[in-house]
C-alpha atoms as a PDB file:
ATOM      1  CA  UNK A   1      24.549 -57.989 -41.016  1.00  0.00           C
ATOM      2  CA  UNK A   2      25.762 -53.790 -40.690  1.00  0.00           C
ATOM      3  CA  UNK A   3      29.129 -53.078 -39.559  1.00  0.00           C
ATOM      4  CA  UNK A   4      30.055 -49.593 -38.006  1.00  0.00           C
ATOM      5  CA  UNK A   5      34.022 -49.101 -36.414  1.00  0.00           C
ATOM      6  CA  UNK A   6      34.708 -46.339 -34.435  1.00  0.00           C
ATOM      7  CA  UNK A   7      37.965 -45.083 -33.663  1.00  0.00           C
ATOM      8  CA  UNK A   8      41.323 -46.409 -35.265  1.00  0.00           C
ATOM      9  CA  UNK A   9      40.962 -48.598 -38.409  1.00  0.00           C
ATOM     10  CA  UNK A  10      41.138 -52.339 -38.479  1.00  0.00           C
ATOM     11  CA  UNK A  11      41.518 -55.293 -40.576  1.00  0.00           C
ATOM     12  CA  UNK A  12      39.146 -57.235 -42.053  1.00  0.00           C
ATOM     13  CA  UNK A  13      40.390 -60.409 -40.409  1.00  0.00           C
ATOM     14  CA  UNK A  14      39.955 -58.395 -37.047  1.00  0.00           C
ATOM     15  CA  UNK A  15      36.235 -57.309 -37.989  1.00  0.00           C
ATOM     16  CA  UNK A  16      35.791 -61.105 -38.982  1.00  0.00           C
ATOM     17  CA  UNK A  17      36.843 -62.186 -35.943  1.00  0.00           C
ATOM     18  CA  UNK A  18      34.297 -59.996 -33.753  1.00  0.00           C
ATOM     19  CA  UNK A  19      31.648 -61.052 -36.277  1.00  0.00           C
ATOM     20  CA  UNK A  20      32.380 -64.630 -35.406  1.00  0.00           C
ATOM     21  CA  UNK A  21      32.706 -64.352 -31.489  1.00  0.00           C
ATOM     22  CA  UNK A  22      28.983 -62.519 -32.136  1.00  0.00           C
ATOM     23  CA  UNK A  23      27.245 -65.423 -33.951  1.00  0.00           C
ATOM     24  CA  UNK A  24      28.322 -67.551 -31.448  1.00  0.00           C
ATOM     25  CA  UNK A  25      27.580 -66.109 -27.971  1.00  0.00           C
ATOM     26  CA  UNK A  26      24.295 -64.984 -29.469  1.00  0.00           C
ATOM     27  CA  UNK A  27      23.616 -67.876 -31.217  1.00  0.00           C
ATOM     28  CA  UNK A  28      19.793 -68.352 -30.431  1.00  0.00           C
ATOM     29  CA  UNK A  29      19.846 -64.439 -31.670  1.00  0.00           C
ATOM     30  CA  UNK A  30      19.326 -62.514 -35.034  1.00  0.00           C
ATOM     31  CA  UNK A  31      22.419 -60.033 -34.998  1.00  0.00           C
ATOM     32  CA  UNK A  32      21.349 -56.934 -37.356  1.00  0.00           C
ATOM     33  CA  UNK A  33      24.119 -54.416 -36.276  1.00  0.00           C
ATOM     34  CA  UNK A  34      27.680 -54.483 -34.399  1.00  0.00           C
ATOM     35  CA  UNK A  35      29.477 -51.559 -33.500  1.00  0.00           C
ATOM     36  CA  UNK A  36      32.963 -51.895 -32.655  1.00  0.00           C
ATOM     37  CA  UNK A  37      34.569 -48.908 -30.899  1.00  0.00           C
ATOM     38  CA  UNK A  38      38.378 -49.144 -30.822  1.00  0.00           C
ATOM     39  CA  UNK A  39      40.837 -46.841 -28.500  1.00  0.00           C
ATOM     40  CA  UNK A  40      44.036 -48.099 -28.041  1.00  0.00           C
ATOM     41  CA  UNK A  41      44.371 -51.522 -27.095  1.00  0.00           C
ATOM     42  CA  UNK A  42      40.788 -51.980 -26.076  1.00  0.00           C
ATOM     43  CA  UNK A  43      37.661 -52.800 -27.664  1.00  0.00           C
ATOM     44  CA  UNK A  44      34.278 -52.536 -27.139  1.00  0.00           C
ATOM     45  CA  UNK A  45      31.597 -54.548 -28.690  1.00  0.00           C
ATOM     46  CA  UNK A  46      28.011 -53.262 -29.342  1.00  0.00           C
ATOM     47  CA  UNK A  47      25.451 -55.930 -30.854  1.00  0.00           C
ATOM     48  CA  UNK A  48      21.999 -55.224 -32.131  1.00  0.00           C
ATOM     49  CA  UNK A  49      19.224 -57.883 -32.342  1.00  0.00           C
ATOM     50  CA  UNK A  50      16.290 -58.348 -34.824  1.00  0.00           C
ATOM     51  CA  UNK A  51      13.064 -58.165 -32.820  1.00  0.00           C
ATOM     52  CA  UNK A  52      11.461 -61.452 -31.170  1.00  0.00           C
ATOM     53  CA  UNK A  53       7.555 -61.619 -32.573  1.00  0.00           C
ATOM     54  CA  UNK A  54       5.866 -63.068 -29.631  1.00  0.00           C
ATOM     55  CA  UNK A  55       2.101 -64.025 -29.236  1.00  0.00           C
ATOM     56  CA  UNK A  56      -0.108 -62.024 -26.441  1.00  0.00           C
ATOM     57  CA  UNK A  57      -1.528 -64.526 -24.070  1.00  0.00           C
ATOM     58  CA  UNK A  58      -4.593 -63.412 -21.727  1.00  0.00           C
ATOM     59  CA  UNK A  59      -6.310 -64.697 -19.380  1.00  0.00           C
ATOM     60  CA  UNK A  60      -9.523 -64.925 -20.141  1.00  0.00           C
ATOM     61  CA  UNK A  61     -12.513 -66.225 -17.802  1.00  0.00           C
ATOM     62  CA  UNK A  62      -9.945 -68.242 -16.212  1.00  0.00           C
ATOM     63  CA  UNK A  63      -8.083 -69.733 -18.893  1.00  0.00           C
ATOM     64  CA  UNK A  64      -4.923 -68.467 -20.505  1.00  0.00           C
ATOM     65  CA  UNK A  65      -5.228 -68.169 -24.127  1.00  0.00           C
ATOM     66  CA  UNK A  66      -3.961 -66.245 -27.407  1.00  0.00           C
ATOM     67  CA  UNK A  67      -6.858 -65.977 -29.319  1.00  0.00           C
ATOM     68  CA  UNK A  68     -10.543 -66.931 -28.879  1.00  0.00           C
ATOM     69  CA  UNK A  69     -11.082 -69.154 -32.140  1.00  0.00           C
ATOM     70  CA  UNK A  70     -11.080 -72.211 -29.990  1.00  0.00           C
ATOM     71  CA  UNK A  71     -14.098 -70.896 -27.775  1.00  0.00           C
ATOM     72  CA  UNK A  72     -17.199 -72.219 -27.910  1.00  0.00           C
ATOM     73  CA  UNK A  73     -20.413 -70.052 -28.034  1.00  0.00           C
ATOM     74  CA  UNK A  74     -20.764 -70.080 -24.900  1.00  0.00           C
ATOM     75  CA  UNK A  75     -16.823 -68.954 -23.502  1.00  0.00           C
ATOM     76  CA  UNK A  76     -17.408 -66.151 -26.025  1.00  0.00           C
ATOM     77  CA  UNK A  77     -20.212 -64.634 -24.993  1.00  0.00           C
ATOM     78  CA  UNK A  78     -19.132 -64.841 -21.438  1.00  0.00           C
ATOM     79  CA  UNK A  79     -15.724 -63.029 -22.869  1.00  0.00           C
ATOM     80  CA  UNK A  80     -18.249 -60.618 -24.639  1.00  0.00           C
ATOM     81  CA  UNK A  81     -20.432 -59.587 -21.577  1.00  0.00           C
ATOM     82  CA  UNK A  82     -17.481 -59.382 -18.828  1.00  0.00           C
ATOM     83  CA  UNK A  83     -16.165 -55.970 -17.686  1.00  0.00           C
ATOM     84  CA  UNK A  84     -12.965 -54.632 -19.420  1.00  0.00           C
ATOM     85  CA  UNK A  85     -10.962 -51.945 -16.909  1.00  0.00           C
ATOM     86  CA  UNK A  86      -8.600 -49.855 -19.127  1.00  0.00           C
ATOM     87  CA  UNK A  87      -5.385 -48.402 -17.239  1.00  0.00           C
END
């Protein structure tokens, strides 16, 4: 994880505490970068996260599918023959 400190310098112990706080708060995400912005007694924390891959799901011929690999030949032909609209 990349750590940026902006403003007044802070101790490594304080940085470790902020890192632990972020890992607990966002335990379901991977933190790639943390920015600590100090202003006197105030501290702003900004966390950047890794991208989460997802599978595209489409509604094709009445079915919600991610890929066409499980379609039989009839459904594949039906999908091939349908009119595709663009935006």
